[in-house]
Amino acid sequence: MNNLADLTTPYLLLDPEKMRANCERLQAHMNKLGVPLRPHVKTAKSVDIVRRMIPAGRGPITVSTLKEAEYFAEHGFTDMTYAVGISPDKLPRVARLNRAEVTLRVLLDSKAQAEAVVAFAKMERLSIPALIEIDCDGERAGLQPGDDKIVEIGRILHENNQLAGILMHAGGSYHCPDKAAKQAAAEHERMTAVAVKQQLLDAGLPCEIVSVGSTPTAHFAKDLTGITEMRAGVYVFHDLVMAGIHVCSTDDIAISVVATVIGHRPDKGWIMTDAGWMALSRDRGTAKQEVDQGYGLVCAMDGTPYPDLIVANTSQEHGVLALRKGSKAKLPELRVGSKVRILPNHACATASQFQGYVVPDGDELVFWPRINGW
């Protein structure tokens, strides 16, 4: 590949310098706070990208699917946490990885899961380390701090030497637009984690790993005393949701979908493109934010946003560009065949629509493949 103009649209364009700056920003903050970063690779799902996030190339990483775990194991990564509640039918795949010199931790929040993991591990004569999931803000799965089941589950796991620690995700931080609220969410996440660790210690149980994380709390945490690792994922690219809550600016967003203008509806104030929801995803994560970005913010090919121009609607392969409701801006003159870049609401969802990334590399273009599926 030599020229963006020669590529068939829609395609996913990655700015490697913005990605590098995003990674360096969060890593510098974690270095300052003295806590290791365990990046969540569910956003990138590409070894070409994750090797740039973790130069050592063996981990630690967080995965959201076993396919990710298997893919990264094939590329030499050996320290992983599977941060989705485990179901017993997936344990044979977990076992195959743990037998292949990979440490893959599983996540659970029920006695039934703990008993299934322990029974399977005993039957297979191996150890499957497990983390207990804690709900710190009512946004996700997990046990409430202080729940007696935490100790009960901890004892089940510890009897077979499988209790690795605790894990939580501050999903509520995605609803915190102001700095003080994000800082408060980060501190609440930390204090919850420390309290649950103490609950286990008071019961005579170990708690080696205290894992917290979300992209907003990772960036706005001021103190991580008592925390052993931070997880975050979307920071590698950022997106309009993160810009909408002021974790980043729109200029920090490292990926965009390149689309071609295929028609006009002047009677409706529409410009039609070839990037519908199959390219952009149906994610409407900015709908309840201060600024609704529709299905994506439209930019010129140099990355400059057109004033108030968003993807207002989509069908499977059509994107409808229109001015934001109430805007006094003028619809740009984009002829049929013109190219635009569309910044995504949710980087994870949009990237999952593609098989890989088109990446400018000096005067050349390279393609970094990614994996999808489960």
Foldseek 3Di string as FASTA:
>chain_A
DFDPLPDDDWAKAFEVVLLLVLLVLLVVLCVVQVAAAAEECLLAQFQVSVCSSPVVLAGDHEYQDLVSVVVSVVRRHAHYEHPDADDLVCVVSVVVNVVVNHQYEHEHAALVSLVSQLVVCVVVVHEHAYAAEDELDPPDDGHHQPDPVLQVSLVSCVVSPRHAAYEYELPVLLVAQDLVVLQVSLVSLLVSLQSNQVVNVVVVGHHNAREYEELSSSNRHPHNPPHHYYYYYQSSADFVSCCLSPSDNLVSGGMWTKWFFADDDVVVQKTKTQAFCLQQPCDQNCPPGPDGQAFFFKAAPVSHTDAQWHQNHGDNGMTIIHGDPPDPDDRDDHDGGGMIITTGHGSSRNVLSDQWYWYDDPSRTDTGGRDDDD
